Protein backbone atom coordinates (compact mmCIF):
# COMPACT_ATOMS: atom_id res chain seq x y z
CA MET A 1 8.14 -18.22 -2.44
CA ARG A 2 7.08 -16.71 -5.87
CA ALA A 3 5.32 -13.37 -6.29
CA ASP A 4 1.23 -13.93 -6.99
CA VAL A 5 0.14 -11.46 -9.98
CA ARG A 6 -3.01 -11.16 -11.24
CA GLN A 7 -4.13 -8.56 -13.77
CA VAL A 8 -7.14 -6.63 -12.50
CA ALA A 9 -7.99 -4.16 -15.35
CA ASP A 10 -6.14 -2.96 -18.72
CA GLY A 11 -2.92 -3.27 -17.40
CA THR A 12 -3.31 -3.31 -13.47
CA TYR A 13 -1.59 -6.07 -11.80
CA LEU A 14 -2.40 -6.76 -7.99
CA VAL A 15 0.25 -8.58 -6.55
CA HIS A 16 0.34 -10.35 -3.42
CA GLY A 17 3.93 -10.79 -1.76
CA SER A 18 4.63 -12.14 1.47
CA ASN A 19 0.96 -10.86 3.45
CA THR A 20 1.01 -7.67 1.84
CA ASN A 21 0.15 -6.64 -2.20
CA TRP A 22 1.51 -4.16 -4.52
CA VAL A 23 0.23 -2.98 -7.38
CA ILE A 24 2.16 -2.64 -11.23
CA VAL A 25 0.37 -0.78 -14.06
CA THR A 26 1.46 -0.55 -17.27
CA GLU A 27 2.03 1.67 -20.57
CA GLY A 28 3.60 1.14 -23.06
CA ASP A 29 6.93 0.07 -22.47
CA ALA A 30 6.94 1.99 -18.66
CA VAL A 31 6.16 1.20 -14.89
CA THR A 32 4.05 2.73 -12.29
CA LEU A 33 4.97 0.86 -9.15
CA ILE A 34 3.09 1.03 -6.06
CA ASP A 35 3.99 0.13 -2.98
CA THR A 36 7.03 -2.19 -2.80
CA GLY A 37 5.94 -5.23 -0.06
CA TYR A 38 8.79 -6.04 2.94
CA PRO A 39 12.23 -6.35 2.50
CA GLY A 40 12.40 -9.44 1.96
CA ASP A 41 9.83 -8.88 -0.73
CA ARG A 42 12.66 -7.17 -3.06
CA GLN A 43 13.56 -11.10 -5.04
CA GLN A 44 9.71 -10.79 -5.82
CA VAL A 45 9.08 -7.37 -6.66
CA LEU A 46 11.50 -7.66 -9.61
CA ASP A 47 10.40 -11.13 -10.86
CA SER A 48 6.38 -9.65 -10.65
CA LEU A 49 8.29 -6.71 -13.10
CA ALA A 50 9.52 -9.29 -15.21
CA ALA A 51 6.41 -11.37 -15.35
CA VAL A 52 4.29 -8.34 -16.65
CA GLY A 53 6.76 -7.79 -19.26
CA GLY A 54 8.67 -5.38 -17.47
CA SER A 55 11.68 -4.47 -15.60
CA PRO A 56 13.18 -2.16 -12.23
CA GLU A 57 14.76 0.74 -15.42
CA ALA A 58 10.87 0.58 -17.04
CA VAL A 59 9.48 1.84 -13.48
CA THR A 60 8.77 5.51 -14.00
CA ALA A 61 8.34 5.98 -10.63
CA VAL A 62 7.65 3.85 -7.32
CA LEU A 63 4.37 5.36 -5.16
CA ILE A 64 4.37 4.55 -1.19
CA THR A 65 1.13 4.45 0.16
CA HIS A 66 2.09 4.59 4.00
CA ALA A 67 6.55 4.27 5.01
CA HIS A 68 5.67 1.60 6.83
CA ASN A 69 8.04 -1.03 6.54
CA ASP A 70 6.00 -3.64 4.61
CA HIS A 71 4.96 -1.38 2.05
CA LEU A 72 8.34 0.71 1.97
CA GLY A 73 10.79 -2.60 1.94
CA SER A 74 12.43 -2.53 -1.41
CA ALA A 75 11.68 1.50 -2.50
CA GLU A 76 16.14 2.65 -1.66
CA HIS A 77 16.47 0.05 -3.35
CA LEU A 78 15.22 1.14 -6.33
CA ARG A 79 15.96 5.07 -5.94
CA ALA A 80 19.84 3.57 -5.53
CA ALA A 81 20.47 1.38 -8.16
CA TYR A 82 18.22 2.49 -10.55
CA GLY A 83 17.70 6.35 -9.77
CA THR A 84 13.34 5.34 -9.32
CA PRO A 85 12.13 8.53 -8.23
CA VAL A 86 10.14 6.97 -4.70
CA LEU A 87 7.14 9.75 -4.09
CA LEU A 88 5.01 10.53 -1.56
CA HIS A 89 2.27 12.83 0.43
CA PRO A 90 4.11 16.14 1.75
CA ALA A 91 3.93 14.03 5.15
CA GLU A 92 4.54 11.06 4.51
CA VAL A 93 8.48 12.63 3.55
CA PRO A 94 9.71 12.36 6.85
CA HIS A 95 8.61 9.37 7.50
CA ALA A 96 10.56 7.49 4.83
CA ARG A 97 13.25 9.69 6.00
CA ARG A 98 12.44 7.84 9.46
CA GLU A 99 12.69 10.86 10.95
CA PHE A 100 9.86 9.65 12.62
CA LEU A 101 7.83 6.17 13.21
CA GLN A 102 4.18 5.92 12.85
CA GLN A 103 4.40 1.70 13.10
CA VAL A 104 2.68 -0.21 15.67
CA SER A 105 5.64 -1.05 18.19
CA VAL A 106 6.98 -4.78 19.39
CA GLY A 107 5.22 -3.55 22.31
CA GLN A 108 1.83 -2.81 21.28
CA VAL A 109 2.19 -6.67 18.80
CA LEU A 110 2.87 -8.36 22.68
CA ALA A 111 0.28 -6.44 23.78
CA ASN A 112 -2.33 -7.97 21.73
CA ALA A 113 -0.96 -11.70 20.33
CA TRP A 114 -3.67 -13.12 23.18
CA ARG A 115 -5.37 -12.27 19.19
CA PRO A 116 -6.24 -14.96 17.12
CA GLY A 117 -2.80 -14.72 14.63
CA VAL A 118 -1.34 -12.07 16.12
CA LEU A 119 1.52 -14.48 17.17
CA PRO A 120 1.84 -15.88 13.65
CA TRP A 121 1.79 -12.69 11.82
CA MET A 122 4.37 -11.66 14.24
CA VAL A 123 6.92 -14.48 13.26
CA HIS A 124 6.23 -13.85 9.57
CA ALA A 125 6.71 -10.45 9.63
CA LEU A 126 10.12 -10.75 11.73
CA ARG A 127 11.61 -13.00 8.78
CA SER A 128 10.35 -10.66 6.24
CA GLY A 129 12.62 -8.01 7.40
CA GLY A 130 9.85 -6.77 9.26
CA THR A 131 11.65 -5.01 12.08
CA GLU A 132 14.43 -3.74 9.35
CA GLN A 133 14.37 0.17 8.85
CA HIS A 134 15.37 1.38 4.62
CA PRO A 135 14.94 4.76 4.78
CA VAL A 136 14.01 6.25 1.61
CA THR A 137 17.60 9.12 1.82
CA ALA A 138 15.72 11.36 -0.51
CA PRO A 139 12.04 10.57 -1.31
CA GLU A 140 10.25 12.85 -3.28
CA ALA A 141 6.72 14.92 -2.51
CA PHE A 142 3.54 14.55 -5.07
CA PRO A 143 3.23 17.95 -6.88
CA ALA A 144 1.38 20.84 -4.53
CA ALA A 145 -1.94 20.91 -7.16
CA SER A 146 -4.07 17.84 -7.38
CA GLY A 147 -5.02 15.91 -9.82
CA PRO A 148 -3.83 13.28 -11.89
CA LEU A 149 0.04 12.13 -11.50
CA ASP A 150 2.03 12.31 -14.94
CA LEU A 151 2.62 8.87 -15.15
CA PRO A 152 1.40 5.33 -16.57
CA GLY A 153 -2.37 4.77 -15.42
CA ARG A 154 -2.40 8.52 -14.35
CA PRO A 155 -2.66 7.83 -10.46
CA VAL A 156 -4.58 10.57 -8.80
CA PRO A 157 -3.36 10.82 -5.35
CA VAL A 158 -5.78 10.89 -2.45
CA HIS A 159 -5.12 11.72 0.65
CA THR A 160 -6.71 8.95 3.46
CA PRO A 161 -4.80 10.39 6.93
CA GLY A 162 -5.19 8.21 9.85
CA HIS A 163 -3.89 4.41 9.15
CA THR A 164 -0.61 7.56 9.15
CA ASP A 165 -0.38 10.95 9.03
CA GLY A 166 0.20 10.60 4.85
CA HIS A 167 -1.52 8.04 3.81
CA THR A 168 -2.33 8.69 0.00
CA VAL A 169 -4.76 5.99 -1.95
CA PHE A 170 -4.12 6.08 -5.66
CA HIS A 171 -7.14 6.84 -7.86
CA LEU A 172 -7.18 5.23 -11.52
CA PRO A 173 -10.08 6.96 -13.16
CA ASP A 174 -10.08 5.70 -16.37
CA ALA A 175 -9.35 1.84 -14.69
CA GLY A 176 -12.57 2.25 -12.27
CA VAL A 177 -9.79 1.48 -9.49
CA VAL A 178 -8.79 2.64 -6.16
CA VAL A 179 -5.28 1.72 -4.54
CA SER A 180 -6.36 1.81 -1.27
CA GLY A 181 -3.03 0.87 0.36
CA ASP A 182 -4.00 0.24 4.51
CA ALA A 183 -6.68 2.45 4.75
CA LEU A 184 -8.83 0.35 3.40
CA VAL A 185 -8.74 -3.86 3.26
CA SER A 186 -10.63 -6.48 2.34
CA GLY A 187 -8.48 -9.29 5.06
CA HIS A 188 -5.26 -9.63 6.97
CA PRO A 189 -4.40 -12.17 8.46
CA THR A 190 -4.73 -10.64 12.23
CA SER A 191 -8.21 -10.70 10.84
CA ARG A 192 -11.63 -13.05 11.83
CA ILE A 193 -13.86 -11.34 8.90
CA GLU A 194 -13.37 -11.59 5.40
CA GLY A 195 -14.47 -8.43 3.09
CA PRO A 196 -13.97 -4.62 3.32
CA GLN A 197 -12.54 -3.83 7.01
CA LEU A 198 -10.59 -1.30 8.62
CA LEU A 199 -6.94 -2.97 10.01
CA PRO A 200 -6.35 -3.41 13.40
CA ASP A 201 -6.67 -1.54 15.92
CA MET A 202 -3.60 -1.47 16.90
CA PHE A 203 -2.43 0.11 13.68
CA HIS A 204 -3.95 2.77 13.20
CA HIS A 205 -2.54 6.21 14.36
CA GLU A 206 -4.42 7.29 14.73
CA ARG A 207 -7.47 5.56 14.34
CA ALA A 208 -11.11 7.91 14.29
CA ARG A 209 -8.88 9.93 10.76
CA ALA A 210 -8.76 5.87 9.47
CA VAL A 211 -12.21 6.14 9.55
CA SER A 212 -13.40 9.73 8.16
CA SER A 213 -10.90 8.77 5.89
CA LEU A 214 -13.29 5.94 4.82
CA ASP A 215 -15.89 9.43 3.74
CA LEU A 216 -13.27 10.10 1.01
CA ILE A 217 -13.10 6.56 -0.27
CA ALA A 218 -16.21 6.14 -0.23
CA ASP A 219 -16.13 9.45 -3.15
CA LEU A 220 -14.48 8.09 -5.48
CA ALA A 221 -15.72 6.52 -8.76
CA ALA A 222 -14.82 3.15 -9.19
CA ASP A 223 -15.70 -0.60 -9.01
CA VAL A 224 -12.71 -1.91 -8.60
CA LEU A 225 -10.41 -2.11 -4.86
CA LEU A 226 -6.80 -3.41 -4.27
CA PRO A 227 -5.66 -2.93 -0.88
CA GLY A 228 -2.59 -3.47 0.69
CA HIS A 229 -3.67 -6.49 1.84
CA GLY A 230 -5.92 -9.41 1.07
CA PRO A 231 -7.33 -10.19 -2.03
CA VAL A 232 -8.96 -7.89 -4.98
CA HIS A 233 -12.39 -6.47 -4.30
CA ARG A 234 -14.66 -5.80 -6.68
CA GLY A 235 -17.82 -3.39 -6.24
CA SER A 236 -18.51 0.03 -5.54
CA ALA A 237 -15.77 2.38 -3.26
CA ARG A 238 -18.84 3.46 -2.09
CA GLU A 239 -20.18 -0.16 -0.79
CA ALA A 240 -16.81 -0.80 0.31
CA ALA A 241 -16.02 2.30 2.41
CA GLN A 242 -20.04 2.39 3.77
CA ARG A 243 -19.10 -1.46 5.46
CA ALA A 244 -15.44 -1.41 6.43
CA ARG A 245 -17.34 1.94 9.02
CA GLU A 246 -20.21 -0.22 9.87
CA ARG A 247 -17.60 -3.16 10.91
CA ALA A 248 -15.22 0.43 12.62
CA VAL A 249 -17.96 0.93 14.59
């Protein structure tokens, strides 16, 4: 299966892997990679870098929205094989090391197996390495000071807890883009609706905080949303967050 690479702005690409997205931001020959899909998506990650004229060696850093297996997948491989720094919110660093796990359990999935789409999604997740553990040996925290990171695209981390304690979205002000991870998605195999939404409740560590974090996304000046799941959403971040909040009630 080949990754679906789509350019959404100058130097910015949304990549659809196996039920999970990642984002590539290029600046000259340098690359910022945001998330890395499932463990089983590794070849797709490498192919997507090549598709935009990049390579693993060109990746300045891997930014992780949150340390769930379907986003952390190849981060440790890139760190170990190429020396690529893996950066997360300070609260998410121990999660990436697997000192704890804030992720939906097999038991929770089975308890929701009656819901439409859950069983096919579970089978796909298992085949993609969704229950494998690939902890990052030496994850690094973002600098304490707020503001843009000194990386291609000048991404600005915005802490949006709830899905996990350290979940972070990345604002690309120059491109008018928000990389929203799982704080705000536009679809999921277990969801029966399309467009801006929260993931189903079983996926959130603290649902109430996830709902509150939508207000932080609403404050970002952007008209392109690149979610962790679902297609690109075009429209203001404020309207997308408001729509997701309405649906979460």
